[in-house]
Amino acid sequence: MAYTMIAERNNQKVRKQRESALIVLANAQVMQSEGWQVVILDNDGSDFQPREFEATLAERFSWYKVKPEPIVAPSADEPADEQLEAEALVAAELAAEDFEAQELEAEEQESPDGDLREVDESDFEEPDLDDADLEEAAHEDAEMTEMEFEREPAE
């Protein structure tokens, strides 16, 4: 007597035919645990879900014990609940950060004394100098100008 296992998932179809009911059942349980939809056919054309087929084996063979129900992994098309939950948490955190940034920006714009000033890129080009440093820099600039005029003109 031959048994046929048919497994389907994501437009894929796998068909295995074996003489041993135990081998067909083992293959069916593995495929089902990986997220496949599995049906087992016998010679009479009757179809069974793997759990039903296992129950018929337990009735036929006194030594066979029905095993606990396997844990089915979610298929690739359906994201796990934990993944969806994690994505929702990240989205909520990003939304909260955006909200806080908008509130802070609104408070800054409403501030009458304008504690914050705009910074121009040119502020970073020259170091901050005190009065003594400014006089020294002016003196150096004057020396450079004098040096330039002392040279002979280029031809």
Protein backbone atom coordinates (compact mmCIF):
# COMPACT_ATOMS: atom_id res chain seq x y z
CA MET A 1 0.00 0.00 0.00
CA ALA A 2 1.50 3.40 -1.04
CA TYR A 3 0.93 6.71 0.66
CA THR A 4 1.28 10.13 -0.91
CA MET A 5 2.08 13.33 0.91
CA ILE A 6 1.23 16.64 -0.79
CA ALA A 7 2.59 19.87 0.72
CA GLU A 8 1.85 23.38 -0.55
CA ARG A 9 3.25 26.80 0.38
CA ASN A 10 3.75 30.09 -1.50
CA ASN A 11 2.70 28.67 -4.88
CA GLN A 12 5.05 25.71 -4.43
CA LYS A 13 3.91 22.11 -4.35
CA VAL A 14 5.83 19.05 -3.12
CA ARG A 15 4.58 15.50 -3.67
CA LYS A 16 6.21 12.43 -2.09
CA GLN A 17 5.05 8.85 -2.45
CA ARG A 18 6.28 6.14 -0.08
CA GLU A 19 5.34 2.62 0.94
CA SER A 20 5.92 3.28 4.64
CA ALA A 21 3.17 5.12 6.50
CA LEU A 22 5.69 6.14 9.19
CA ILE A 23 8.06 7.72 6.66
CA VAL A 24 5.23 9.64 4.99
CA LEU A 25 4.01 10.81 8.40
CA ALA A 26 7.51 11.93 9.42
CA ASN A 27 7.94 13.88 6.17
CA ALA A 28 4.50 15.44 6.61
CA GLN A 29 5.23 16.52 10.18
CA VAL A 30 8.53 18.13 9.19
CA MET A 31 6.95 20.00 6.28
CA GLN A 32 4.03 21.11 8.46
CA SER A 33 6.39 22.40 11.16
CA GLU A 34 8.05 24.55 8.47
CA GLY A 35 4.73 26.19 7.59
CA TRP A 36 3.56 24.00 4.71
CA GLN A 37 -0.08 22.96 4.25
CA VAL A 38 0.09 19.15 4.21
CA VAL A 39 -2.34 16.39 3.18
CA ILE A 40 -1.69 12.64 3.17
CA LEU A 41 -3.50 10.40 0.67
CA ASP A 42 -3.85 6.63 0.98
CA ASN A 43 -4.51 4.06 -1.79
CA ASP A 44 -8.27 4.39 -1.33
CA GLY A 45 -8.07 8.11 -2.20
CA SER A 46 -8.94 9.22 1.33
CA ASP A 47 -7.12 12.32 2.45
CA PHE A 48 -5.95 13.03 5.99
CA GLN A 49 -4.37 15.86 7.85
CA PRO A 50 -1.11 14.69 9.49
CA ARG A 51 -2.71 14.57 12.98
CA GLU A 52 -5.64 12.49 11.68
CA PHE A 53 -3.27 10.17 9.84
CA GLU A 54 -1.21 9.74 13.00
CA ALA A 55 -4.35 8.82 14.95
CA THR A 56 -5.17 6.09 12.40
CA LEU A 57 -1.63 4.73 12.77
CA ALA A 58 -2.05 4.58 16.55
CA GLU A 59 -5.26 2.57 16.02
CA ARG A 60 -3.55 0.13 13.60
CA PHE A 61 -0.30 -0.34 15.51
CA SER A 62 -0.50 -0.90 19.27
CA TRP A 63 3.14 0.08 19.73
CA TYR A 64 2.70 3.52 18.08
CA LYS A 65 1.98 6.44 20.44
CA VAL A 66 0.58 9.75 19.23
CA LYS A 67 3.13 12.51 19.73
CA PRO A 68 2.30 16.01 21.02
CA GLU A 69 1.27 18.58 18.43
CA PRO A 70 4.29 20.20 16.73
CA ILE A 71 4.91 23.92 16.88
CA VAL A 72 4.29 25.47 13.47
CA ALA A 73 6.70 28.16 12.30
CA PRO A 74 5.11 31.18 10.60
CA SER A 75 5.51 31.19 6.84
CA ALA A 76 7.82 33.71 5.17
CA ASP A 77 4.87 35.82 3.94
CA GLU A 78 3.47 36.38 7.44
CA PRO A 79 5.76 38.32 9.80
CA ALA A 80 5.87 37.08 13.36
CA ASP A 81 3.78 38.92 15.97
CA GLU A 82 6.95 39.80 17.88
CA GLN A 83 8.41 41.44 14.77
CA LEU A 84 5.25 43.48 14.24
CA GLU A 85 5.24 44.46 17.91
CA ALA A 86 8.89 45.58 17.73
CA GLU A 87 8.21 47.61 14.58
CA ALA A 88 5.23 49.28 16.25
CA LEU A 89 7.39 50.22 19.27
CA VAL A 90 10.08 51.73 17.04
CA ALA A 91 7.47 53.67 15.08
CA ALA A 92 5.96 54.99 18.33
CA GLU A 93 9.38 56.07 19.62
CA LEU A 94 10.15 57.90 16.36
CA ALA A 95 6.78 59.63 16.47
CA ALA A 96 7.42 60.71 20.08
CA GLU A 97 10.85 62.09 19.14
CA ASP A 98 9.33 64.04 16.24
CA PHE A 99 6.65 65.42 18.54
CA GLU A 100 9.24 66.51 21.13
CA ALA A 101 11.36 68.17 18.43
CA GLN A 102 8.35 70.06 17.11
CA GLU A 103 7.41 71.24 20.61
CA LEU A 104 10.97 72.40 21.30
CA GLU A 105 11.09 74.25 18.01
CA ALA A 106 7.75 75.93 18.75
CA GLU A 107 8.98 77.02 22.20
CA GLU A 108 12.16 78.49 20.69
CA GLN A 109 10.18 80.48 18.14
CA GLU A 110 7.83 81.81 20.82
CA SER A 111 10.71 82.91 23.09
CA PRO A 112 10.57 86.75 23.24
CA ASP A 113 14.16 87.32 24.34
CA GLY A 114 15.60 85.04 21.66
CA ASP A 115 18.11 83.22 23.84
CA LEU A 116 19.34 81.39 20.80
CA ARG A 117 21.14 83.20 18.04
CA GLU A 118 21.79 82.03 14.55
CA VAL A 119 25.32 80.86 13.89
CA ASP A 120 26.92 81.75 10.61
CA GLU A 121 29.58 79.50 9.09
CA SER A 122 31.97 82.45 8.97
CA ASP A 123 31.94 82.44 12.80
CA PHE A 124 34.05 79.29 12.66
CA GLU A 125 36.60 80.46 10.11
CA GLU A 126 38.58 82.72 12.47
CA PRO A 127 39.34 82.07 16.13
CA ASP A 128 37.87 84.30 18.81
CA LEU A 129 40.42 86.98 19.73
CA ASP A 130 40.54 89.42 22.63
CA ASP A 131 41.62 93.08 22.19
CA ALA A 132 45.36 92.36 22.65
CA ASP A 133 45.21 89.56 20.08
CA LEU A 134 43.35 91.83 17.64
CA GLU A 135 46.05 94.55 17.93
CA GLU A 136 48.79 91.96 17.36
CA ALA A 137 46.97 90.57 14.31
CA ALA A 138 46.55 94.10 12.90
CA HIS A 139 50.26 94.78 13.44
CA GLU A 140 51.17 91.52 11.61
CA ASP A 141 48.86 92.46 8.71
CA ALA A 142 50.59 95.87 8.46
CA GLU A 143 54.03 94.21 8.37
CA MET A 144 52.87 91.84 5.61
CA THR A 145 51.62 94.77 3.56
CA GLU A 146 54.94 96.58 3.91
CA MET A 147 56.83 93.43 2.88
CA GLU A 148 54.73 93.10 -0.23
CA PHE A 149 55.62 96.61 -1.38
CA GLU A 150 59.35 96.16 -0.73
CA ARG A 151 59.65 93.43 -3.36
CA GLU A 152 60.31 94.24 -6.95
CA PRO A 153 57.33 93.93 -9.25
CA ALA A 154 57.03 90.68 -11.10
CA GLU A 155 57.55 90.76 -14.83
